[in-house]
Amino acid sequence: MKRTSILGLLLLLLRDQAAAGPGVGTLPRAVHGTACQENSAMHHRLDSVEKRVEEVVGQLETEVSILLDAIEAPEWSPLLEAEGPTIDILDNKDPI
């Protein structure tokens, strides 16, 4: 009786393993190589994107710095001083 139950258990185990498909260790080497190449290519593309983003951020920081320097220049200071009454351009009390 034990031999029949052990044999039945082994058959069930083999059936379940066959239904699950090949494991990672049983995949052909070419499939592993392709997956590694795709992973490597993806990381290379991500590195390129990261480098480009860093370059653009650096350029934007430079442009913002130049704009701030231009705004703080003496020729702009009279225009930026608020000496008169301020006008609310979003105030819609007098519709046209």
N, C-alpha and C. Protein backbone atom coordinates (compact mmCIF):
# COMPACT_ATOMS: atom_id res chain seq x y z
N MET A 1 0.81 -1.19 0.00
CA MET A 1 0.00 0.00 0.00
C MET A 1 0.86 1.26 0.00
N LYS A 2 1.95 1.22 0.78
CA LYS A 2 2.83 2.39 0.83
C LYS A 2 3.47 2.63 -0.53
N ARG A 3 3.84 1.57 -1.19
CA ARG A 3 4.51 1.70 -2.48
C ARG A 3 3.57 2.36 -3.50
N THR A 4 2.30 2.00 -3.49
CA THR A 4 1.32 2.57 -4.41
C THR A 4 1.10 4.04 -4.11
N SER A 5 1.02 4.42 -2.85
CA SER A 5 0.79 5.82 -2.50
C SER A 5 2.02 6.67 -2.82
N ILE A 6 3.21 6.13 -2.61
CA ILE A 6 4.43 6.87 -2.95
C ILE A 6 4.53 7.04 -4.45
N LEU A 7 4.22 5.98 -5.19
CA LEU A 7 4.25 6.06 -6.65
C LEU A 7 3.22 7.07 -7.15
N GLY A 8 2.03 7.06 -6.57
CA GLY A 8 0.99 8.03 -6.95
C GLY A 8 1.41 9.45 -6.63
N LEU A 9 2.05 9.64 -5.49
CA LEU A 9 2.54 10.96 -5.10
C LEU A 9 3.61 11.46 -6.07
N LEU A 10 4.52 10.57 -6.45
CA LEU A 10 5.56 10.95 -7.41
C LEU A 10 4.96 11.30 -8.77
N LEU A 11 3.96 10.54 -9.21
CA LEU A 11 3.31 10.85 -10.48
C LEU A 11 2.60 12.21 -10.43
N LEU A 12 1.95 12.50 -9.32
CA LEU A 12 1.30 13.82 -9.17
C LEU A 12 2.33 14.94 -9.18
N LEU A 13 3.45 14.72 -8.51
CA LEU A 13 4.51 15.73 -8.47
C LEU A 13 5.08 15.97 -9.85
N LEU A 14 5.34 14.90 -10.60
CA LEU A 14 5.87 15.04 -11.95
C LEU A 14 4.86 15.72 -12.88
N ARG A 15 3.58 15.40 -12.71
CA ARG A 15 2.55 16.02 -13.54
C ARG A 15 2.48 17.53 -13.27
N ASP A 16 2.53 17.92 -12.00
CA ASP A 16 2.49 19.34 -11.65
C ASP A 16 3.72 20.08 -12.16
N GLN A 17 4.87 19.44 -12.08
CA GLN A 17 6.10 20.08 -12.55
C GLN A 17 6.08 20.23 -14.06
N ALA A 18 5.55 19.25 -14.77
CA ALA A 18 5.45 19.34 -16.23
C ALA A 18 4.46 20.42 -16.63
N ALA A 19 3.40 20.59 -15.88
CA ALA A 19 2.40 21.61 -16.20
C ALA A 19 2.94 23.01 -15.94
N ALA A 20 3.86 23.14 -15.00
CA ALA A 20 4.41 24.46 -14.66
C ALA A 20 5.33 24.98 -15.75
N GLY A 21 5.87 24.11 -16.58
CA GLY A 21 6.76 24.54 -17.65
C GLY A 21 8.20 24.52 -17.20
N PRO A 22 9.10 24.90 -18.09
CA PRO A 22 10.53 24.85 -17.75
C PRO A 22 10.89 25.89 -16.71
N GLY A 23 11.76 25.54 -15.83
CA GLY A 23 12.25 26.48 -14.82
C GLY A 23 13.34 27.35 -15.39
N VAL A 24 13.80 28.29 -14.58
CA VAL A 24 14.84 29.21 -15.04
C VAL A 24 16.11 28.45 -15.38
N GLY A 25 16.44 27.44 -14.58
CA GLY A 25 17.67 26.70 -14.81
C GLY A 25 17.60 25.79 -16.01
N THR A 26 16.40 25.48 -16.50
CA THR A 26 16.27 24.57 -17.63
C THR A 26 16.07 25.29 -18.95
N LEU A 27 16.05 26.61 -18.95
CA LEU A 27 15.91 27.36 -20.20
C LEU A 27 17.21 27.26 -20.99
N PRO A 28 17.11 27.27 -22.31
CA PRO A 28 18.33 27.20 -23.12
C PRO A 28 19.24 28.39 -22.87
N ARG A 29 20.52 28.18 -23.09
CA ARG A 29 21.52 29.22 -22.86
C ARG A 29 21.27 30.43 -23.76
N ALA A 30 20.79 30.19 -24.98
CA ALA A 30 20.54 31.30 -25.91
C ALA A 30 19.46 32.24 -25.36
N VAL A 31 18.47 31.68 -24.66
CA VAL A 31 17.42 32.52 -24.09
C VAL A 31 18.00 33.38 -22.98
N HIS A 32 18.86 32.80 -22.14
CA HIS A 32 19.51 33.58 -21.08
C HIS A 32 20.37 34.68 -21.69
N GLY A 33 21.11 34.37 -22.75
CA GLY A 33 21.97 35.35 -23.41
C GLY A 33 21.16 36.50 -23.97
N THR A 34 20.04 36.19 -24.60
CA THR A 34 19.19 37.23 -25.18
C THR A 34 18.63 38.13 -24.08
N ALA A 35 18.20 37.52 -22.99
CA ALA A 35 17.66 38.31 -21.88
C ALA A 35 18.73 39.22 -21.30
N CYS A 36 19.95 38.71 -21.17
CA CYS A 36 21.04 39.53 -20.65
C CYS A 36 21.38 40.67 -21.61
N GLN A 37 21.36 40.38 -22.91
CA GLN A 37 21.65 41.42 -23.89
C GLN A 37 20.57 42.50 -23.86
N GLU A 38 19.31 42.09 -23.75
CA GLU A 38 18.23 43.07 -23.67
C GLU A 38 18.35 43.92 -22.41
N ASN A 39 18.70 43.29 -21.31
CA ASN A 39 18.88 44.01 -20.05
C ASN A 39 20.03 45.00 -20.17
N SER A 40 21.12 44.56 -20.77
CA SER A 40 22.28 45.44 -20.94
C SER A 40 21.95 46.61 -21.86
N ALA A 41 21.22 46.33 -22.94
CA ALA A 41 20.83 47.39 -23.87
C ALA A 41 19.91 48.40 -23.18
N MET A 42 18.99 47.91 -22.35
CA MET A 42 18.09 48.80 -21.63
C MET A 42 18.87 49.70 -20.67
N HIS A 43 19.84 49.13 -19.96
CA HIS A 43 20.64 49.94 -19.04
C HIS A 43 21.47 50.96 -19.81
N HIS A 44 21.96 50.59 -20.98
CA HIS A 44 22.73 51.54 -21.80
C HIS A 44 21.83 52.71 -22.22
N ARG A 45 20.61 52.40 -22.64
CA ARG A 45 19.68 53.47 -23.03
C ARG A 45 19.34 54.35 -21.84
N LEU A 46 19.12 53.74 -20.67
CA LEU A 46 18.82 54.53 -19.48
C LEU A 46 19.99 55.43 -19.09
N ASP A 47 21.21 54.92 -19.24
CA ASP A 47 22.39 55.74 -18.96
C ASP A 47 22.46 56.92 -19.92
N SER A 48 22.12 56.69 -21.19
CA SER A 48 22.13 57.78 -22.17
C SER A 48 21.08 58.83 -21.82
N VAL A 49 19.89 58.37 -21.43
CA VAL A 49 18.83 59.31 -21.05
C VAL A 49 19.24 60.10 -19.81
N GLU A 50 19.83 59.42 -18.83
CA GLU A 50 20.26 60.10 -17.61
C GLU A 50 21.31 61.16 -17.92
N LYS A 51 22.25 60.84 -18.80
CA LYS A 51 23.29 61.80 -19.17
C LYS A 51 22.67 63.01 -19.86
N ARG A 52 21.71 62.77 -20.76
CA ARG A 52 21.07 63.86 -21.48
C ARG A 52 20.26 64.75 -20.52
N VAL A 53 19.56 64.13 -19.57
CA VAL A 53 18.79 64.90 -18.58
C VAL A 53 19.72 65.77 -17.75
N GLU A 54 20.86 65.22 -17.34
CA GLU A 54 21.82 66.00 -16.55
C GLU A 54 22.35 67.17 -17.36
N GLU A 55 22.60 66.97 -18.67
CA GLU A 55 23.08 68.07 -19.51
C GLU A 55 22.02 69.16 -19.63
N VAL A 56 20.77 68.77 -19.84
CA VAL A 56 19.69 69.76 -19.99
C VAL A 56 19.48 70.52 -18.68
N VAL A 57 19.52 69.82 -17.56
CA VAL A 57 19.37 70.49 -16.26
C VAL A 57 20.50 71.49 -16.05
N GLY A 58 21.71 71.13 -16.42
CA GLY A 58 22.84 72.05 -16.31
C GLY A 58 22.64 73.29 -17.17
N GLN A 59 22.14 73.09 -18.40
CA GLN A 59 21.88 74.23 -19.29
C GLN A 59 20.78 75.12 -18.72
N LEU A 60 19.74 74.52 -18.17
CA LEU A 60 18.65 75.31 -17.59
C LEU A 60 19.12 76.08 -16.36
N GLU A 61 19.95 75.47 -15.54
CA GLU A 61 20.50 76.19 -14.38
C GLU A 61 21.31 77.39 -14.83
N THR A 62 22.08 77.24 -15.89
CA THR A 62 22.87 78.35 -16.42
C THR A 62 21.96 79.46 -16.93
N GLU A 63 20.92 79.10 -17.68
CA GLU A 63 20.00 80.11 -18.21
C GLU A 63 19.26 80.84 -17.09
N VAL A 64 18.82 80.12 -16.06
CA VAL A 64 18.14 80.75 -14.93
C VAL A 64 19.08 81.71 -14.22
N SER A 65 20.33 81.30 -14.05
CA SER A 65 21.32 82.17 -13.41
C SER A 65 21.53 83.45 -14.22
N ILE A 66 21.60 83.32 -15.54
CA ILE A 66 21.78 84.49 -16.40
C ILE A 66 20.56 85.41 -16.30
N LEU A 67 19.36 84.83 -16.29
CA LEU A 67 18.15 85.64 -16.18
C LEU A 67 18.07 86.36 -14.84
N LEU A 68 18.43 85.67 -13.76
CA LEU A 68 18.42 86.32 -12.45
C LEU A 68 19.44 87.45 -12.38
N ASP A 69 20.60 87.24 -12.96
CA ASP A 69 21.61 88.31 -12.99
C ASP A 69 21.10 89.50 -13.79
N ALA A 70 20.40 89.24 -14.90
CA ALA A 70 19.87 90.32 -15.73
C ALA A 70 18.79 91.09 -14.99
N ILE A 71 17.94 90.39 -14.25
CA ILE A 71 16.87 91.06 -13.51
C ILE A 71 17.43 91.91 -12.38
N GLU A 72 18.48 91.44 -11.75
CA GLU A 72 19.08 92.18 -10.64
C GLU A 72 20.00 93.31 -11.10
N ALA A 73 20.18 93.46 -12.41
CA ALA A 73 21.05 94.51 -12.94
C ALA A 73 20.45 95.88 -12.63
N PRO A 74 21.31 96.91 -12.51
CA PRO A 74 20.84 98.26 -12.14
C PRO A 74 19.82 98.85 -13.11
N GLU A 75 19.90 98.53 -14.39
CA GLU A 75 18.96 99.14 -15.33
C GLU A 75 17.53 98.61 -15.16
N TRP A 76 17.35 97.49 -14.50
CA TRP A 76 16.02 96.95 -14.26
C TRP A 76 15.44 97.39 -12.91
N SER A 77 16.25 97.81 -11.99
CA SER A 77 15.75 98.11 -10.65
C SER A 77 14.69 99.21 -10.63
N PRO A 78 14.77 100.29 -11.43
CA PRO A 78 13.67 101.27 -11.39
C PRO A 78 12.34 100.68 -11.87
N LEU A 79 12.39 99.76 -12.78
CA LEU A 79 11.16 99.17 -13.29
C LEU A 79 10.53 98.20 -12.29
N LEU A 80 11.35 97.63 -11.43
CA LEU A 80 10.85 96.65 -10.48
C LEU A 80 10.39 97.26 -9.16
N GLU A 81 10.73 98.51 -8.91
CA GLU A 81 10.33 99.14 -7.66
C GLU A 81 8.85 99.51 -7.73
N ALA A 82 8.14 99.23 -6.67
CA ALA A 82 6.70 99.51 -6.62
C ALA A 82 6.48 100.80 -5.83
N GLU A 83 6.50 101.94 -6.52
CA GLU A 83 6.33 103.23 -5.85
C GLU A 83 4.91 103.75 -5.98
N GLY A 84 4.20 103.33 -7.00
CA GLY A 84 2.84 103.82 -7.21
C GLY A 84 1.83 102.77 -6.78
N PRO A 85 0.58 103.07 -7.05
CA PRO A 85 -0.45 102.09 -6.69
C PRO A 85 -0.31 100.83 -7.56
N THR A 86 -0.56 99.74 -6.93
CA THR A 86 -0.49 98.49 -7.69
C THR A 86 -1.83 98.23 -8.36
N ILE A 87 -1.77 97.66 -9.52
CA ILE A 87 -2.98 97.37 -10.30
C ILE A 87 -3.15 95.86 -10.34
N ASP A 88 -4.35 95.43 -9.96
CA ASP A 88 -4.65 94.01 -10.00
C ASP A 88 -5.19 93.69 -11.39
N ILE A 89 -4.41 93.02 -12.19
CA ILE A 89 -4.83 92.74 -13.56
C ILE A 89 -5.89 91.64 -13.62
N LEU A 90 -6.09 90.92 -12.53
CA LEU A 90 -7.09 89.87 -12.50
C LEU A 90 -8.41 90.33 -11.89
N ASP A 91 -8.47 91.58 -11.48
CA ASP A 91 -9.68 92.13 -10.88
C ASP A 91 -10.69 92.41 -11.99
N ASN A 92 -11.86 91.79 -11.91
CA ASN A 92 -12.89 91.93 -12.95
C ASN A 92 -14.08 92.75 -12.46
N LYS A 93 -13.85 93.80 -11.69
CA LYS A 93 -14.95 94.63 -11.20
C LYS A 93 -15.57 95.45 -12.32
N ASP A 94 -14.76 95.90 -13.27
CA ASP A 94 -15.25 96.70 -14.39
C ASP A 94 -15.19 95.86 -15.66
N PRO A 95 -16.26 95.12 -15.95
CA PRO A 95 -16.22 94.32 -17.18
C PRO A 95 -16.27 95.20 -18.40
N ILE A 96 -15.65 94.76 -19.42
CA ILE A 96 -15.59 95.55 -20.67
C ILE A 96 -16.85 95.37 -21.46
